[in-house]
Amino acid sequence: METERQIIFYGQYFTQFYLKQTEKVQEKIEYVFKIISTVQNVPKKFLNHISGTEGLYEIRIEFQSNIYRVFCCFDHLNLVVLFNGFQKKSKKTPKNEIKLALRLKSEYFNSKKKNSE
């Protein structure tokens, strides 16, 4: 199967979240990343746009009765940039997690712009 997308991490937020998870949850996260990397039309079950935001997406991971989310964006068509992750404990996505992801997204594109100047 040929890779369609590359996944990168911005900052330490995702790595810190990932390392706190159990081995089984980490395996499920890696499984979902493999789908995002290789499937051309990723089902909304795994990747969905956050309404009311410009270009912010959430990667959806379910394991047993737990729900995890990882915020990300696309840089060009084939690069997925990961920001923060968290375990979802209510129906609504916490606003502070969305704000953090939007801030990290802005930082990512600003630092990229500075590096290209």
C-alpha atoms as a PDB file:
ATOM      1  CA  MET A   1       0.000   0.000   0.000  1.00  0.00           C
ATOM      2  CA  GLU A   2       1.515   3.330  -1.041  1.00  0.00           C
ATOM      3  CA  THR A   3       1.621   6.139   1.519  1.00  0.00           C
ATOM      4  CA  GLU A   4      -0.659   9.041   0.685  1.00  0.00           C
ATOM      5  CA  ARG A   5       0.170  11.305   3.639  1.00  0.00           C
ATOM      6  CA  GLN A   6       3.008  11.968   6.061  1.00  0.00           C
ATOM      7  CA  ILE A   7       2.260  12.676   9.729  1.00  0.00           C
ATOM      8  CA  ILE A   8       4.490  15.004  11.756  1.00  0.00           C
ATOM      9  CA  PHE A   9       4.286  16.383  15.294  1.00  0.00           C
ATOM     10  CA  TYR A  10       4.442  20.071  16.157  1.00  0.00           C
ATOM     11  CA  GLY A  11       5.765  20.784  19.643  1.00  0.00           C
ATOM     12  CA  GLN A  12       5.690  18.291  22.484  1.00  0.00           C
ATOM     13  CA  TYR A  13       1.964  18.252  23.252  1.00  0.00           C
ATOM     14  CA  PHE A  14       1.073  15.164  21.249  1.00  0.00           C
ATOM     15  CA  THR A  15       4.169  13.234  22.357  1.00  0.00           C
ATOM     16  CA  GLN A  16       3.420  13.965  26.025  1.00  0.00           C
ATOM     17  CA  PHE A  17      -0.181  12.799  25.550  1.00  0.00           C
ATOM     18  CA  TYR A  18       0.887   9.660  23.669  1.00  0.00           C
ATOM     19  CA  LEU A  19       3.474   8.578  26.244  1.00  0.00           C
ATOM     20  CA  LYS A  20       0.881   8.751  29.054  1.00  0.00           C
ATOM     21  CA  GLN A  21      -1.353   6.182  27.320  1.00  0.00           C
ATOM     22  CA  THR A  22      -1.335   2.436  27.862  1.00  0.00           C
ATOM     23  CA  GLU A  23       0.355   0.209  25.309  1.00  0.00           C
ATOM     24  CA  LYS A  24      -3.047  -0.880  23.919  1.00  0.00           C
ATOM     25  CA  VAL A  25      -4.200   2.725  23.450  1.00  0.00           C
ATOM     26  CA  GLN A  26      -0.880   3.566  21.764  1.00  0.00           C
ATOM     27  CA  GLU A  27      -1.420   0.640  19.369  1.00  0.00           C
ATOM     28  CA  LYS A  28      -4.906   1.926  18.517  1.00  0.00           C
ATOM     29  CA  ILE A  29      -3.538   5.438  17.915  1.00  0.00           C
ATOM     30  CA  GLU A  30      -0.890   3.996  15.579  1.00  0.00           C
ATOM     31  CA  TYR A  31      -3.573   1.975  13.766  1.00  0.00           C
ATOM     32  CA  VAL A  32      -5.643   5.122  13.134  1.00  0.00           C
ATOM     33  CA  PHE A  33      -2.513   6.983  11.983  1.00  0.00           C
ATOM     34  CA  LYS A  34      -1.837   4.196   9.493  1.00  0.00           C
ATOM     35  CA  ILE A  35      -5.350   4.624   8.080  1.00  0.00           C
ATOM     36  CA  ILE A  36      -4.870   8.388   7.793  1.00  0.00           C
ATOM     37  CA  SER A  37      -1.484   7.857   6.119  1.00  0.00           C
ATOM     38  CA  THR A  38      -2.603   5.311   3.563  1.00  0.00           C
ATOM     39  CA  VAL A  39      -6.324   5.699   2.804  1.00  0.00           C
ATOM     40  CA  GLN A  40      -7.144   8.352   0.237  1.00  0.00           C
ATOM     41  CA  ASN A  41     -10.657   9.163   1.529  1.00  0.00           C
ATOM     42  CA  VAL A  42     -10.407   8.778   5.295  1.00  0.00           C
ATOM     43  CA  PRO A  43     -13.806   8.030   6.887  1.00  0.00           C
ATOM     44  CA  LYS A  44     -15.199  10.728   9.218  1.00  0.00           C
ATOM     45  CA  LYS A  45     -15.147   8.083  11.933  1.00  0.00           C
ATOM     46  CA  PHE A  46     -11.362   8.634  12.071  1.00  0.00           C
ATOM     47  CA  LEU A  47     -10.844  12.212  10.824  1.00  0.00           C
ATOM     48  CA  ASN A  48     -13.296  15.088  10.878  1.00  0.00           C
ATOM     49  CA  HIS A  49     -13.217  18.870  10.450  1.00  0.00           C
ATOM     50  CA  ILE A  50     -13.960  20.918  13.582  1.00  0.00           C
ATOM     51  CA  SER A  51     -16.873  23.152  12.676  1.00  0.00           C
ATOM     52  CA  GLY A  52     -16.345  26.850  13.264  1.00  0.00           C
ATOM     53  CA  THR A  53     -12.585  26.601  12.713  1.00  0.00           C
ATOM     54  CA  GLU A  54     -10.507  27.231   9.652  1.00  0.00           C
ATOM     55  CA  GLY A  55      -8.600  24.101   8.744  1.00  0.00           C
ATOM     56  CA  LEU A  56      -8.581  22.399  12.154  1.00  0.00           C
ATOM     57  CA  TYR A  57      -9.378  18.675  12.238  1.00  0.00           C
ATOM     58  CA  GLU A  58      -9.692  16.061  14.920  1.00  0.00           C
ATOM     59  CA  ILE A  59      -8.405  12.527  14.692  1.00  0.00           C
ATOM     60  CA  ARG A  60     -10.857  10.258  16.462  1.00  0.00           C
ATOM     61  CA  ILE A  61      -9.681   7.233  18.381  1.00  0.00           C
ATOM     62  CA  GLU A  62     -11.975   4.910  20.298  1.00  0.00           C
ATOM     63  CA  PHE A  63     -10.670   2.127  22.486  1.00  0.00           C
ATOM     64  CA  GLN A  64     -12.960   0.060  24.670  1.00  0.00           C
ATOM     65  CA  SER A  65     -15.290   2.643  26.216  1.00  0.00           C
ATOM     66  CA  ASN A  66     -12.795   5.521  26.000  1.00  0.00           C
ATOM     67  CA  ILE A  67     -12.650   8.255  23.392  1.00  0.00           C
ATOM     68  CA  TYR A  68      -9.458  10.100  22.484  1.00  0.00           C
ATOM     69  CA  ARG A  69      -8.971  13.087  20.209  1.00  0.00           C
ATOM     70  CA  VAL A  70      -5.886  14.508  18.525  1.00  0.00           C
ATOM     71  CA  PHE A  71      -6.097  17.896  16.825  1.00  0.00           C
ATOM     72  CA  CYS A  72      -4.308  18.393  13.546  1.00  0.00           C
ATOM     73  CA  CYS A  73      -4.262  20.344  10.302  1.00  0.00           C
ATOM     74  CA  PHE A  74      -3.106  19.766   6.769  1.00  0.00           C
ATOM     75  CA  ASP A  75      -0.078  21.504   5.316  1.00  0.00           C
ATOM     76  CA  HIS A  76      -0.412  21.052   1.594  1.00  0.00           C
ATOM     77  CA  LEU A  77      -2.385  17.952   0.711  1.00  0.00           C
ATOM     78  CA  ASN A  78      -0.098  15.218   1.964  1.00  0.00           C
ATOM     79  CA  LEU A  79       1.286  16.504   5.279  1.00  0.00           C
ATOM     80  CA  VAL A  80      -0.713  16.104   8.502  1.00  0.00           C
ATOM     81  CA  VAL A  81       0.575  18.204  11.401  1.00  0.00           C
ATOM     82  CA  LEU A  82      -0.396  16.931  14.878  1.00  0.00           C
ATOM     83  CA  PHE A  83      -0.930  19.294  17.783  1.00  0.00           C
ATOM     84  CA  ASN A  84      -2.487  18.317  21.132  1.00  0.00           C
ATOM     85  CA  GLY A  85      -4.307  15.170  22.207  1.00  0.00           C
ATOM     86  CA  PHE A  86      -6.660  14.412  25.081  1.00  0.00           C
ATOM     87  CA  GLN A  87      -9.128  11.876  26.415  1.00  0.00           C
ATOM     88  CA  LYS A  88     -12.676  13.025  25.816  1.00  0.00           C
ATOM     89  CA  LYS A  89     -14.820  12.668  28.926  1.00  0.00           C
ATOM     90  CA  SER A  90     -17.980  14.518  27.890  1.00  0.00           C
ATOM     91  CA  LYS A  91     -20.079  14.984  24.762  1.00  0.00           C
ATOM     92  CA  LYS A  92     -18.651  18.428  24.040  1.00  0.00           C
ATOM     93  CA  THR A  93     -15.040  18.965  23.067  1.00  0.00           C
ATOM     94  CA  PRO A  94     -13.392  21.180  25.728  1.00  0.00           C
ATOM     95  CA  LYS A  95     -12.993  24.743  24.446  1.00  0.00           C
ATOM     96  CA  ASN A  96      -9.556  25.081  26.045  1.00  0.00           C
ATOM     97  CA  GLU A  97      -8.306  22.124  23.963  1.00  0.00           C
ATOM     98  CA  ILE A  98      -9.625  23.734  20.763  1.00  0.00           C
ATOM     99  CA  LYS A  99      -8.042  27.078  21.721  1.00  0.00           C
ATOM    100  CA  LEU A 100      -4.708  25.363  22.357  1.00  0.00           C
ATOM    101  CA  ALA A 101      -4.871  23.583  18.991  1.00  0.00           C
ATOM    102  CA  LEU A 102      -5.697  26.823  17.166  1.00  0.00           C
ATOM    103  CA  ARG A 103      -2.799  28.593  18.904  1.00  0.00           C
ATOM    104  CA  LEU A 104      -0.404  25.759  17.974  1.00  0.00           C
ATOM    105  CA  LYS A 105      -1.661  25.787  14.387  1.00  0.00           C
ATOM    106  CA  SER A 106      -1.017  29.526  14.173  1.00  0.00           C
ATOM    107  CA  GLU A 107       2.459  29.109  15.710  1.00  0.00           C
ATOM    108  CA  TYR A 108       3.270  26.316  13.249  1.00  0.00           C
ATOM    109  CA  PHE A 109       2.402  28.350  10.162  1.00  0.00           C
ATOM    110  CA  ASN A 110       4.040  31.509  11.541  1.00  0.00           C
ATOM    111  CA  SER A 111       7.298  29.675  12.276  1.00  0.00           C
ATOM    112  CA  LYS A 112       7.196  28.057   8.853  1.00  0.00           C
ATOM    113  CA  LYS A 113       6.683  31.444   7.235  1.00  0.00           C
ATOM    114  CA  LYS A 114       9.616  32.958   9.204  1.00  0.00           C
ATOM    115  CA  ASN A 115      11.883  30.078   8.184  1.00  0.00           C
ATOM    116  CA  SER A 116      11.103  30.555   4.513  1.00  0.00           C
ATOM    117  CA  GLU A 117      11.900  34.302   4.554  1.00  0.00           C
END
